[in-house]
C-alpha cells in the first residue's frame, strides 16, 4: 500500500498579508457601517454648505469661489444623475474609459483625471480644508472659513467615523458584528480622544508659527526686513519642524483613529504610532494604499452600477404607465424646477429627486465606509510589520461582548455545571 501524503494547507493571509484588505469591502457593506457613513457624509457636506453660505457674500473673490465649492454635493450631478462627479463615468457603459471621468471642484483645486481612485478622493476631501488653511496666499477670512470647515468635519467623523473603525476592528479580530447603536455609542463615548489625536499636531504647528508671525509683523518696517534676512535660518528651522508635523499628520491621520479603535488607547499613543508607522514604513504603507485603491475602484464600480440600475429601472417601470413624454416632463421639473404653476407636480418631482438623491448618497457613502474599514486593516498590517503584533489582537472595551466558554457553577451535589448566565463580562485582550 502506498504511503499517504499529507498536503499542507496554504494560508493566503500569512503568505500575502495584503490580501486582508479585501475584507474591508465586506465590512464597508454592512448595514451599520453604511448607515454611519451615510449620516456622516450628509452631515459633513450639509455643515460645509452652511459655512459656505455664510461666506458667499465676501468681498474677496477667492473666498466667494471657495464658499461655492463648499456647497457642492458630490453625490449629485444634476440632469444625468450619474452619481458622484469625480469618480463616476458619464456614459452608461459598464466599463468606463479614462475619458469618461469628469472633474469636480475641491478645496485644493485638485482636478481628478481618468486615473482617479475613489479611495484617494475620500482622503483628499477630508484633508483638503486642513490643507487649505496653510496656504500662504490664504486671507484671514479664508482661513477662518476653512478652520470652521475643518473643525466641523473633525467633529462629525470623530463621532461617526470612529464607530466604523471600531466596527471594522472587532470584525477583523473576532468576527463580531456590532450594530449601529453599539458603534455609535463607542464614538460618542470616545470622541474626545479621536478629536484630540488630530488637534495635537495642529495646535503644535500653530504654536511654532507664532514667533515667525511676530517677525512678519516687524518686517512691515524696512529695517526689520534686513533683520528678518539675518534671522531667516531660524525661520527655516521652525518651518522644518512644522513640515515634519504636518506631513506626518497628512499621511498618518487616517491611522490615528484605527489605533484608538484597535488598541483602546489614548490620543498620544495614537499620535506616536501613526507617525512611527508613517516614517518607518513609508513604502510598505504606500503599497497597502495602492492595494486599497485598487479594491476601492473595483468595488465602487459595482456599487455605482447597482445604484444606477436602481435609478434607471425605477423610471423605466413607471414610464410604462406615464408615457415617455410625461416622464420627461417630470424629470425636467425634478432637475430644473420647471412647471412651478402646478405645485402638486412640482412637489412630487422634488420628492422623487429626494429619494433618488438618497440612493446616490448611500452609494457615495460606501466610499467613506470603505476608506475607514481599509485604513483599519492597513493599521493592523503596519503594526505587524513594525511591532510584530498579530493583526487579530485587539484590546477589548468594557462594553464589548466576551466570547469564550460560559461560566461554571456547582449544583447542590457539588458537581460543576454550565451556568445559565448570559450577561456579557469585560474580558482580557484578545
Protein backbone atom coordinates (compact mmCIF):
# COMPACT_ATOMS: atom_id res chain seq x y z
CA UNK A 1 0.00 0.00 0.00
CA UNK A 2 1.36 3.37 -0.96
CA UNK A 3 2.18 5.79 1.82
CA UNK A 4 -0.34 8.55 2.25
CA UNK A 5 0.85 12.04 1.55
CA UNK A 6 -0.43 14.99 3.56
CA UNK A 7 -0.75 18.19 1.57
CA UNK A 8 0.00 21.27 3.64
CA UNK A 9 -2.72 23.87 3.68
CA UNK A 10 -1.61 27.26 2.44
CA UNK A 11 -2.76 30.26 4.47
CA UNK A 12 -3.07 33.01 1.89
CA UNK A 13 -3.29 35.71 4.55
CA UNK A 14 0.01 34.57 6.05
CA UNK A 15 1.69 34.29 2.66
CA UNK A 16 0.23 37.53 1.27
CA UNK A 17 -0.89 39.68 4.22
CA UNK A 18 -2.12 42.49 1.99
CA UNK A 19 -4.99 40.28 0.80
CA UNK A 20 -6.67 41.03 4.13
CA UNK A 21 -7.58 44.43 2.70
CA UNK A 22 -10.23 42.80 0.52
CA UNK A 23 -12.26 42.12 3.68
CA UNK A 24 -12.66 45.88 4.05
CA UNK A 25 -15.17 45.73 1.19
CA UNK A 26 -17.38 43.29 3.11
CA UNK A 27 -17.12 45.37 6.27
CA UNK A 28 -17.96 48.57 4.40
CA UNK A 29 -21.12 46.99 3.01
CA UNK A 30 -22.52 46.03 6.41
CA UNK A 31 -25.70 47.98 7.23
CA UNK A 32 -24.25 49.56 10.38
CA UNK A 33 -21.16 50.87 8.59
CA UNK A 34 -23.20 52.17 5.65
CA UNK A 35 -25.68 53.96 7.91
CA UNK A 36 -22.88 55.57 9.92
CA UNK A 37 -21.09 56.68 6.75
CA UNK A 38 -24.30 57.98 5.13
CA UNK A 39 -25.19 60.11 8.14
CA UNK A 40 -21.62 61.38 8.41
CA UNK A 41 -21.35 62.28 4.72
CA UNK A 42 -24.69 64.09 4.74
CA UNK A 43 -23.81 65.93 7.97
CA UNK A 44 -20.35 66.89 6.69
CA UNK A 45 -21.47 68.38 3.40
CA UNK A 46 -24.56 69.98 4.94
CA UNK A 47 -22.35 71.69 7.51
CA UNK A 48 -19.90 72.77 4.82
CA UNK A 49 -22.79 74.11 2.75
CA UNK A 50 -23.99 76.20 5.70
CA UNK A 51 -20.47 77.53 6.26
CA UNK A 52 -20.18 78.36 2.56
CA UNK A 53 -23.48 80.21 2.74
CA UNK A 54 -22.05 82.43 5.49
CA UNK A 55 -19.07 83.41 3.33
CA UNK A 56 -20.61 83.57 -0.15
CA UNK A 57 -21.06 87.37 0.06
CA UNK A 58 -17.42 88.00 0.99
CA UNK A 59 -15.64 90.90 -0.70
CA UNK A 60 -12.73 88.57 -1.53
CA UNK A 61 -13.48 86.81 -4.86
CA UNK A 62 -11.32 83.83 -3.92
CA UNK A 63 -13.29 83.35 -0.73
CA UNK A 64 -16.56 83.60 -2.67
CA UNK A 65 -15.41 80.91 -5.11
CA UNK A 66 -14.28 78.68 -2.26
CA UNK A 67 -17.60 79.23 -0.49
CA UNK A 68 -19.42 77.97 -3.58
CA UNK A 69 -17.25 74.87 -3.61
CA UNK A 70 -18.22 74.21 0.00
CA UNK A 71 -21.85 73.99 -1.11
CA UNK A 72 -21.25 71.22 -3.66
CA UNK A 73 -22.96 67.89 -3.06
CA UNK A 74 -20.58 65.45 -4.76
CA UNK A 75 -23.08 62.60 -4.90
CA UNK A 76 -25.43 64.60 -7.15
CA UNK A 77 -24.56 65.95 -10.59
CA UNK A 78 -27.88 67.20 -11.91
CA UNK A 79 -29.72 66.13 -15.02
CA UNK A 80 -27.97 62.86 -15.82
CA UNK A 81 -27.98 61.65 -12.18
CA UNK A 82 -24.81 59.67 -12.81
CA UNK A 83 -23.66 59.79 -9.21
CA UNK A 84 -20.52 61.42 -7.79
CA UNK A 85 -18.89 63.71 -10.35
CA UNK A 86 -15.32 62.85 -9.63
CA UNK A 87 -15.43 59.08 -9.76
CA UNK A 88 -18.47 58.13 -11.83
CA UNK A 89 -18.36 57.71 -15.62
CA UNK A 90 -20.71 59.98 -17.52
CA UNK A 91 -21.69 57.29 -20.00
CA UNK A 92 -24.00 54.37 -19.35
CA UNK A 93 -21.33 51.82 -20.18
CA UNK A 94 -20.40 49.25 -17.63
CA UNK A 95 -16.66 49.52 -18.28
CA UNK A 96 -15.68 53.23 -18.49
CA UNK A 97 -12.77 54.64 -20.40
CA UNK A 98 -10.39 57.20 -18.85
CA UNK A 99 -12.03 59.99 -20.85
CA UNK A 100 -15.39 59.27 -19.21
CA UNK A 101 -14.37 60.67 -15.83
CA UNK A 102 -15.29 64.24 -15.07
CA UNK A 103 -13.58 66.55 -12.55
CA UNK A 104 -15.28 68.14 -9.58
CA UNK A 105 -14.33 71.21 -7.51
CA UNK A 106 -12.29 70.64 -4.39
CA UNK A 107 -10.72 72.74 -1.67
CA UNK A 108 -7.22 72.30 -3.04
CA UNK A 109 -8.22 72.86 -6.69
CA UNK A 110 -7.10 69.31 -7.38
CA UNK A 111 -8.67 68.12 -10.64
CA UNK A 112 -9.05 64.33 -10.79
CA UNK A 113 -8.37 62.59 -14.10
CA UNK A 114 -9.19 59.19 -15.51
CA UNK A 115 -6.76 57.55 -13.08
CA UNK A 116 -8.59 58.96 -10.06
CA UNK A 117 -9.24 56.49 -7.26
CA UNK A 118 -12.31 56.78 -5.06
CA UNK A 119 -10.10 55.83 -2.10
CA UNK A 120 -7.74 58.77 -2.63
CA UNK A 121 -10.68 61.05 -3.33
CA UNK A 122 -12.04 60.44 0.18
CA UNK A 123 -8.59 61.13 1.63
CA UNK A 124 -8.37 64.35 -0.35
CA UNK A 125 -11.86 65.54 0.56
CA UNK A 126 -11.42 65.04 4.29
CA UNK A 127 -7.91 66.53 4.29
CA UNK A 128 -8.42 69.44 1.91
CA UNK A 129 -9.90 72.02 4.32
CA UNK A 130 -6.97 71.42 6.69
CA UNK A 131 -4.51 71.77 3.81
CA UNK A 132 -6.17 74.97 2.59
CA UNK A 133 -5.63 76.65 5.97
CA UNK A 134 -1.85 76.52 5.47
CA UNK A 135 -1.86 78.13 2.03
CA UNK A 136 0.50 81.12 2.21
CA UNK A 137 -1.84 83.12 -0.04
CA UNK A 138 -4.84 82.47 2.20
CA UNK A 139 -6.54 85.55 3.63
CA UNK A 140 -7.67 85.81 7.23
CA UNK A 141 -11.30 85.44 6.14
CA UNK A 142 -10.49 82.38 4.04
CA UNK A 143 -8.52 80.89 6.92
CA UNK A 144 -11.47 81.30 9.27
CA UNK A 145 -13.80 79.64 6.74
CA UNK A 146 -11.55 76.62 6.30
CA UNK A 147 -10.95 76.45 10.03
CA UNK A 148 -14.69 76.16 10.63
CA UNK A 149 -14.98 73.54 7.88
CA UNK A 150 -12.09 71.55 9.35
CA UNK A 151 -13.47 71.61 12.88
CA UNK A 152 -16.91 70.60 11.68
CA UNK A 153 -15.56 67.65 9.68
CA UNK A 154 -13.39 66.62 12.62
CA UNK A 155 -16.36 66.64 14.99
CA UNK A 156 -18.65 64.70 12.64
CA UNK A 157 -16.17 61.97 11.77
CA UNK A 158 -14.84 61.62 15.31
CA UNK A 159 -18.38 60.67 16.32
CA UNK A 160 -19.37 58.52 13.33
CA UNK A 161 -16.18 57.55 11.50
CA UNK A 162 -14.70 56.27 14.76
CA UNK A 163 -17.65 53.91 15.05
CA UNK A 164 -16.79 52.45 11.64
CA UNK A 165 -13.17 51.84 12.67
CA UNK A 166 -14.29 50.12 15.88
CA UNK A 167 -16.78 48.03 13.96
CA UNK A 168 -14.05 47.04 11.50
CA UNK A 169 -11.58 46.25 14.29
CA UNK A 170 -13.95 43.85 16.04
CA UNK A 171 -14.99 42.24 12.78
CA UNK A 172 -11.38 41.65 11.72
CA UNK A 173 -10.15 40.40 15.08
CA UNK A 174 -13.03 38.27 16.31
CA UNK A 175 -15.61 38.14 13.54
CA UNK A 176 -18.09 40.07 15.72
CA UNK A 177 -20.74 42.17 14.04
CA UNK A 178 -21.72 45.00 16.33
CA UNK A 179 -24.74 47.03 15.37
CA UNK A 180 -25.26 50.68 14.57
CA UNK A 181 -26.14 51.56 18.16
CA UNK A 182 -23.04 49.92 19.66
CA UNK A 183 -20.75 51.60 17.12
CA UNK A 184 -22.40 54.98 17.70
CA UNK A 185 -22.14 54.62 21.48
CA UNK A 186 -18.42 53.89 21.13
CA UNK A 187 -17.93 57.02 19.02
CA UNK A 188 -19.87 59.21 21.42
CA UNK A 189 -18.02 57.86 24.46
CA UNK A 190 -14.53 58.15 22.94
CA UNK A 191 -14.91 61.15 20.63
CA UNK A 192 -12.63 63.44 22.72
CA UNK A 193 -9.73 61.02 22.17
CA UNK A 194 -10.33 60.90 18.42
CA UNK A 195 -10.55 64.69 18.14
CA UNK A 196 -7.51 65.32 20.33
CA UNK A 197 -5.28 62.96 18.34
CA UNK A 198 -5.67 65.21 15.29
CA UNK A 199 -5.65 68.52 17.15
CA UNK A 200 -2.36 67.95 18.98
CA UNK A 201 -0.07 68.30 15.90
CA UNK A 202 -2.24 71.11 14.53
CA UNK A 203 -2.01 73.12 17.75
CA UNK A 204 1.72 72.39 17.99
CA UNK A 205 2.19 73.71 14.44
CA UNK A 206 0.26 76.90 15.19
CA UNK A 207 2.29 77.46 18.35
CA UNK A 208 5.56 77.11 16.43
CA UNK A 209 4.26 79.57 13.83
CA UNK A 210 3.75 82.32 16.42
CA UNK A 211 7.38 83.51 16.53
CA UNK A 212 7.78 83.70 12.70
CA UNK A 213 4.43 85.53 12.63
CA UNK A 214 5.75 88.11 15.11
CA UNK A 215 8.81 88.55 12.94
CA UNK A 216 6.48 89.03 9.97
CA UNK A 217 4.69 91.86 11.76
CA UNK A 218 8.01 93.59 12.44
CA UNK A 219 9.04 93.14 8.81
CA UNK A 220 6.41 95.66 7.78
CA UNK A 221 9.24 98.07 8.54
CA UNK A 222 12.20 98.07 6.12
CA UNK A 223 14.73 97.89 8.94
CA UNK A 224 13.27 94.63 10.21
CA UNK A 225 13.29 93.21 6.69
CA UNK A 226 17.08 93.31 7.00
CA UNK A 227 16.81 91.75 10.46
CA UNK A 228 14.48 89.13 9.02
CA UNK A 229 17.10 88.24 6.42
CA UNK A 230 19.60 87.62 9.19
CA UNK A 231 17.16 85.55 11.23
CA UNK A 232 15.75 83.64 8.25
CA UNK A 233 17.68 80.43 9.09
CA UNK A 234 15.72 80.32 12.34
CA UNK A 235 12.50 80.71 10.36
CA UNK A 236 13.57 77.82 8.13
CA UNK A 237 14.26 75.69 11.19
CA UNK A 238 10.77 76.39 12.52
CA UNK A 239 9.32 75.64 9.08
CA UNK A 240 11.21 72.33 9.03
CA UNK A 241 9.63 71.27 12.31
CA UNK A 242 6.21 72.34 11.07
CA UNK A 243 6.74 70.38 7.85
CA UNK A 244 7.58 67.22 9.77
CA UNK A 245 4.48 67.66 11.89
CA UNK A 246 2.13 68.44 9.01
CA UNK A 247 3.43 65.82 6.57
CA UNK A 248 3.21 63.20 9.28
CA UNK A 249 -0.30 64.40 10.05
CA UNK A 250 -1.41 64.42 6.40
CA UNK A 251 -0.23 60.86 5.73
CA UNK A 252 -0.70 59.50 9.23
CA UNK A 253 -4.02 60.89 10.45
CA UNK A 254 -6.08 58.06 8.86
CA UNK A 255 -4.09 55.68 11.09
CA UNK A 256 -4.79 57.56 14.33
CA UNK A 257 -8.44 56.61 14.66
CA UNK A 258 -7.89 52.91 13.85
CA UNK A 259 -5.16 52.99 16.51
CA UNK A 260 -7.60 54.17 19.16
CA UNK A 261 -10.25 51.72 17.97
CA UNK A 262 -7.91 48.71 17.91
CA UNK A 263 -5.77 49.47 20.96
CA UNK A 264 -8.42 51.30 23.02
CA UNK A 265 -5.65 53.75 23.84
CA UNK A 266 -5.14 57.48 24.37
CA UNK A 267 -4.50 60.20 21.75
CA UNK A 268 -0.78 60.41 22.48
CA UNK A 269 -0.26 56.71 21.77
CA UNK A 270 -2.32 57.06 18.58
CA UNK A 271 -0.20 60.03 17.53
CA UNK A 272 3.04 58.19 18.29
CA UNK A 273 2.06 55.04 16.40
CA UNK A 274 0.73 56.93 13.37
CA UNK A 275 3.89 59.00 12.98
CA UNK A 276 6.09 55.99 13.67
CA UNK A 277 4.45 53.75 11.08
CA UNK A 278 4.31 56.57 8.52
CA UNK A 279 8.01 57.46 8.75
CA UNK A 280 9.40 53.97 9.49
CA UNK A 281 7.39 52.00 6.92
CA UNK A 282 6.64 54.52 4.13
CA UNK A 283 7.00 52.12 1.21
CA UNK A 284 5.02 49.36 2.92
CA UNK A 285 2.37 51.93 3.76
CA UNK A 286 2.33 53.08 0.14
CA UNK A 287 1.92 49.51 -1.08
CA UNK A 288 -1.06 48.90 1.19
CA UNK A 289 -2.66 52.15 0.00
CA UNK A 290 -2.16 51.08 -3.63
CA UNK A 291 -3.88 47.76 -2.92
CA UNK A 292 -6.73 49.53 -1.11
CA UNK A 293 -7.01 51.92 -4.04
CA UNK A 294 -7.39 49.03 -6.48
CA UNK A 295 -10.09 47.31 -4.43
CA UNK A 296 -11.90 50.64 -3.96
CA UNK A 297 -12.10 51.25 -7.71
CA UNK A 298 -13.42 47.77 -8.45
CA UNK A 299 -15.93 47.68 -5.62
CA UNK A 300 -17.23 51.19 -6.21
CA UNK A 301 -17.84 50.49 -9.89
CA UNK A 302 -20.12 47.67 -8.76
CA UNK A 303 -21.83 49.84 -6.14
CA UNK A 304 -22.35 52.64 -8.67
CA UNK A 305 -23.71 50.21 -11.25
CA UNK A 306 -26.17 48.89 -8.69
CA UNK A 307 -27.34 52.41 -7.74
CA UNK A 308 -27.53 53.47 -11.38
CA UNK A 309 -29.58 50.40 -12.26
CA UNK A 310 -31.98 51.02 -9.37
CA UNK A 311 -32.43 54.60 -10.59
CA UNK A 312 -33.00 53.69 -14.24
CA UNK A 313 -35.31 50.74 -13.55
CA UNK A 314 -37.46 52.91 -11.28
CA UNK A 315 -38.06 55.40 -14.12
CA UNK A 316 -38.34 52.65 -16.72
CA UNK A 317 -41.07 50.80 -14.85
CA UNK A 318 -43.08 53.94 -14.04
CA UNK A 319 -42.77 55.25 -17.62
CA UNK A 320 -44.85 52.31 -18.86
CA UNK A 321 -47.77 53.96 -17.14
CA UNK A 322 -46.98 57.66 -17.55
CA UNK A 323 -45.62 57.54 -21.07
CA UNK A 324 -42.26 58.87 -22.21
CA UNK A 325 -43.35 62.50 -22.69
CA UNK A 326 -44.97 62.74 -19.27
CA UNK A 327 -41.93 61.17 -17.61
CA UNK A 328 -39.61 63.65 -19.35
CA UNK A 329 -41.80 66.46 -18.07
CA UNK A 330 -41.47 65.11 -14.52
CA UNK A 331 -37.70 64.79 -14.95
CA UNK A 332 -37.45 68.39 -16.10
CA UNK A 333 -39.42 69.54 -13.08
CA UNK A 334 -37.22 67.40 -10.85
CA UNK A 335 -33.92 68.74 -12.19
CA UNK A 336 -34.70 72.30 -13.20
CA UNK A 337 -37.63 73.27 -11.02
CA UNK A 338 -39.89 73.88 -14.02
CA UNK A 339 -43.68 73.65 -14.05
CA UNK A 340 -43.96 75.83 -10.95
CA UNK A 341 -47.53 76.71 -11.92
CA UNK A 342 -48.55 73.21 -10.87
CA UNK A 343 -47.40 72.96 -7.25
CA UNK A 344 -48.54 69.36 -6.88
CA UNK A 345 -46.40 68.21 -9.81
CA UNK A 346 -43.51 70.32 -8.56
CA UNK A 347 -43.78 68.88 -5.04
CA UNK A 348 -43.98 65.33 -6.34
CA UNK A 349 -40.98 65.88 -8.60
CA UNK A 350 -38.94 67.23 -5.69
CA UNK A 351 -39.87 64.22 -3.57
CA UNK A 352 -38.75 61.91 -6.37
CA UNK A 353 -35.50 63.84 -6.56
CA UNK A 354 -35.04 63.43 -2.80
CA UNK A 355 -35.37 59.65 -2.92
CA UNK A 356 -33.08 59.30 -5.94
CA UNK A 357 -30.51 61.54 -4.31
CA UNK A 358 -30.71 59.33 -1.22
CA UNK A 359 -29.82 56.30 -3.36
CA UNK A 360 -26.71 58.01 -4.69
CA UNK A 361 -25.88 59.38 -1.25
CA UNK A 362 -25.73 55.84 0.14
CA UNK A 363 -23.63 54.73 -2.83
CA UNK A 364 -21.25 57.64 -2.30
CA UNK A 365 -21.13 56.98 1.45
CA UNK A 366 -19.82 53.50 0.67
CA UNK A 367 -16.53 55.17 -0.29
CA UNK A 368 -16.14 56.60 3.20
CA UNK A 369 -17.23 53.38 4.87
CA UNK A 370 -14.64 51.51 2.81
CA UNK A 371 -11.97 54.12 3.50
CA UNK A 372 -12.18 53.74 7.27
CA UNK A 373 -12.53 49.96 7.07
CA UNK A 374 -9.49 49.68 4.81
CA UNK A 375 -7.42 52.02 6.97
CA UNK A 376 -8.21 49.82 9.98
CA UNK A 377 -6.89 46.80 8.09
CA UNK A 378 -3.83 48.76 6.96
CA UNK A 379 -3.12 49.79 10.55
CA UNK A 380 -3.10 46.17 11.74
CA UNK A 381 -0.78 45.22 8.87
CA UNK A 382 1.65 48.06 9.63
CA UNK A 383 1.54 47.13 13.30
CA UNK A 384 2.52 43.58 12.37
CA UNK A 385 5.37 44.82 10.15
CA UNK A 386 6.69 47.22 12.80
CA UNK A 387 5.94 45.65 16.18
CA UNK A 388 5.29 42.03 15.27
CA UNK A 389 1.79 42.12 16.78
CA UNK A 390 -0.64 39.79 15.07
CA UNK A 391 -3.48 41.51 13.17
CA UNK A 392 -6.08 39.62 15.21
CA UNK A 393 -5.00 41.11 18.54
CA UNK A 394 -7.34 43.82 19.79
CA UNK A 395 -7.96 45.47 23.13
CA UNK A 396 -11.50 44.93 24.35
CA UNK A 397 -13.76 47.63 25.63
CA UNK A 398 -15.86 47.08 28.80
CA UNK A 399 -18.98 47.29 26.63
CA UNK A 400 -17.80 44.64 24.14
CA UNK A 401 -19.33 41.15 24.31
CA UNK A 402 -16.94 38.49 25.56
CA UNK A 403 -16.52 35.29 23.59
CA UNK A 404 -15.45 32.02 25.11
CA UNK A 405 -16.69 29.27 27.44
CA UNK A 406 -19.65 30.11 29.70
CA UNK A 407 -19.01 30.30 33.45
CA UNK A 408 -19.35 27.17 35.60
CA UNK A 409 -21.41 26.77 38.73
CA UNK A 410 -21.82 23.89 41.15
CA UNK A 411 -25.15 22.27 41.85
CA UNK A 412 -26.48 21.05 45.21
CA UNK A 413 -24.41 17.86 44.94
CA UNK A 414 -21.22 19.84 44.32
CA UNK A 415 -20.98 18.83 40.66
CA UNK A 416 -19.78 21.64 38.33
CA UNK A 417 -22.17 22.53 35.52
CA UNK A 418 -22.55 25.22 32.87
CA UNK A 419 -24.10 28.40 34.23
CA UNK A 420 -27.25 29.81 32.70
CA UNK A 421 -25.84 33.35 32.97
CA UNK A 422 -25.60 35.07 29.63
CA UNK A 423 -24.53 38.51 30.78
CA UNK A 424 -21.51 39.82 28.91
CA UNK A 425 -18.47 40.47 31.05
CA UNK A 426 -15.35 42.52 30.29
CA UNK A 427 -12.54 40.32 29.14
CA UNK A 428 -8.80 40.49 28.51
CA UNK A 429 -7.09 41.47 25.30
CA UNK A 430 -7.87 39.01 22.54
